[in-house]
C-alpha atoms as a PDB file:
ATOM      1  CA  MET A   1     -38.149   5.925  16.095  1.00  0.00           C
ATOM      2  CA  SER A   2     -35.076   8.130  15.483  1.00  0.00           C
ATOM      3  CA  LYS A   3     -33.598   8.158  12.073  1.00  0.00           C
ATOM      4  CA  GLU A   4     -30.082   6.433  13.492  1.00  0.00           C
ATOM      5  CA  ALA A   5     -32.697   3.802  14.558  1.00  0.00           C
ATOM      6  CA  ALA A   6     -34.896   3.299  11.830  1.00  0.00           C
ATOM      7  CA  LEU A   7     -31.448   2.418  10.295  1.00  0.00           C
ATOM      8  CA  ARG A   8     -29.483   0.235  12.671  1.00  0.00           C
ATOM      9  CA  ALA A   9     -33.248  -2.138  12.738  1.00  0.00           C
ATOM     10  CA  MET A  10     -33.300  -2.202   8.867  1.00  0.00           C
ATOM     11  CA  ARG A  11     -29.046  -3.157   9.237  1.00  0.00           C
ATOM     12  CA  GLU A  12     -29.647  -6.105  11.322  1.00  0.00           C
ATOM     13  CA  ALA A  13     -32.898  -7.070   9.838  1.00  0.00           C
ATOM     14  CA  ARG A  14     -30.674  -7.437   6.901  1.00  0.00           C
ATOM     15  CA  TYR A  15     -27.947  -9.089   8.688  1.00  0.00           C
ATOM     16  CA  ALA A  16     -30.484 -11.552  10.154  1.00  0.00           C
ATOM     17  CA  GLU A  17     -31.355 -12.033   6.386  1.00  0.00           C
ATOM     18  CA  ARG A  18     -28.553 -13.240   5.196  1.00  0.00           C
ATOM     19  CA  MET A  19     -27.599 -15.392   8.242  1.00  0.00           C
ATOM     20  CA  ALA A  20     -30.649 -17.324   7.462  1.00  0.00           C
ATOM     21  CA  ALA A  21     -30.441 -17.532   3.886  1.00  0.00           C
ATOM     22  CA  ALA A  22     -26.959 -19.097   4.221  1.00  0.00           C
ATOM     23  CA  PRO A  23     -26.534 -20.713   7.611  1.00  0.00           C
ATOM     24  CA  GLY A  24     -22.839 -22.357   6.809  1.00  0.00           C
ATOM     25  CA  ALA A  25     -21.762 -19.038   4.698  1.00  0.00           C
ATOM     26  CA  ALA A  26     -20.545 -17.072   7.399  1.00  0.00           C
ATOM     27  CA  GLN A  27     -18.032 -20.444   9.079  1.00  0.00           C
ATOM     28  CA  ALA A  28     -16.793 -21.689   4.969  1.00  0.00           C
ATOM     29  CA  PRO A  29     -13.164 -21.201   5.423  1.00  0.00           C
ATOM     30  CA  ARG A  30     -11.551 -18.422   3.041  1.00  0.00           C
ATOM     31  CA  ALA A  31      -9.098 -19.144   0.257  1.00  0.00           C
ATOM     32  CA  PRO A  32      -6.007 -16.847   1.268  1.00  0.00           C
ATOM     33  CA  ARG A  33      -5.404 -14.012  -0.860  1.00  0.00           C
ATOM     34  CA  ALA A  34      -2.657 -14.060  -3.590  1.00  0.00           C
ATOM     35  CA  THR A  35      -0.366 -11.330  -2.761  1.00  0.00           C
ATOM     36  CA  ALA A  36       1.799  -9.251  -5.316  1.00  0.00           C
ATOM     37  CA  PRO A  37       5.612  -9.315  -4.510  1.00  0.00           C
ATOM     38  CA  PRO A  38       6.912  -5.358  -3.737  1.00  0.00           C
ATOM     39  CA  PRO A  39       7.740  -3.211  -6.907  1.00  0.00           C
ATOM     40  CA  VAL A  40      11.089  -3.837  -7.390  1.00  0.00           C
ATOM     41  CA  ALA A  41      12.875  -0.293  -7.848  1.00  0.00           C
ATOM     42  CA  PRO A  42      15.134  -0.086 -11.254  1.00  0.00           C
ATOM     43  CA  PRO A  43      18.878   0.108 -10.564  1.00  0.00           C
ATOM     44  CA  VAL A  44      20.000   3.486 -11.138  1.00  0.00           C
ATOM     45  CA  PRO A  45      23.192   3.577 -13.743  1.00  0.00           C
ATOM     46  CA  PRO A  46      26.775   4.742 -11.863  1.00  0.00           C
ATOM     47  CA  ALA A  47      27.196   8.348 -13.117  1.00  0.00           C
ATOM     48  CA  GLY A  48      30.741   8.656 -15.190  1.00  0.00           C
ATOM     49  CA  ASP A  49      31.568  11.737 -13.615  1.00  0.00           C
ATOM     50  CA  GLY A  50      32.363  10.153 -10.060  1.00  0.00           C
ATOM     51  CA  LEU A  51      29.011  11.018  -8.275  1.00  0.00           C
ATOM     52  CA  CYS A  52      26.743   9.234  -6.554  1.00  0.00           C
ATOM     53  CA  GLY A  53      23.524  10.311  -9.284  1.00  0.00           C
ATOM     54  CA  HIS A  54      20.956   9.369  -6.861  1.00  0.00           C
ATOM     55  CA  ARG A  55      18.026  10.726  -8.464  1.00  0.00           C
ATOM     56  CA  SER A  56      15.199  12.372  -6.326  1.00  0.00           C
ATOM     57  CA  ILE A  57      11.355  12.315  -6.938  1.00  0.00           C
ATOM     58  CA  ASN A  58      11.261  15.360  -8.673  1.00  0.00           C
ATOM     59  CA  GLY A  59      13.992  14.354 -10.594  1.00  0.00           C
ATOM     60  CA  ARG A  60      17.366  16.444  -9.271  1.00  0.00           C
ATOM     61  CA  THR A  61      20.361  14.200  -8.747  1.00  0.00           C
ATOM     62  CA  CYS A  62      22.629  14.083  -6.470  1.00  0.00           C
ATOM     63  CA  THR A  63      25.767  15.745  -6.397  1.00  0.00           C
ATOM     64  CA  ARG A  64      28.232  14.103  -3.785  1.00  0.00           C
ATOM     65  CA  GLU A  65      31.017  11.632  -4.408  1.00  0.00           C
ATOM     66  CA  HIS A  66      29.938   8.032  -5.780  1.00  0.00           C
ATOM     67  CA  GLY A  67      29.484   5.455  -2.534  1.00  0.00           C
ATOM     68  CA  HIS A  68      29.565   8.711   0.122  1.00  0.00           C
ATOM     69  CA  ALA A  69      29.393   8.108   4.030  1.00  0.00           C
ATOM     70  CA  ALA A  70      26.646  10.612   4.540  1.00  0.00           C
ATOM     71  CA  LYS A  71      22.852   9.468   5.009  1.00  0.00           C
ATOM     72  CA  SER A  72      21.239  12.213   2.989  1.00  0.00           C
ATOM     73  CA  HIS A  73      21.911  13.561  -0.120  1.00  0.00           C
ATOM     74  CA  ARG A  74      22.755  16.722  -1.743  1.00  0.00           C
ATOM     75  CA  TYR A  75      20.515  17.244  -4.835  1.00  0.00           C
ATOM     76  CA  SER A  76      21.367  20.445  -7.357  1.00  0.00           C
END
């Protein structure tokens, strides 16, 4: 018997033991999981100098005007 066949036989034997020990456990309904609310980003205070003020991941700040129409930010 190969190593893979032996592992498969052991796994099937353990599965059979669990099913024999608790026949109704497989059909028992599960309680719904409680989901955590999605994380909320803290509000960014508007920059006092008329700039966008958006912060990048590495801490840079956007230098475009506040409320710019461009989809991307320009960091410096």
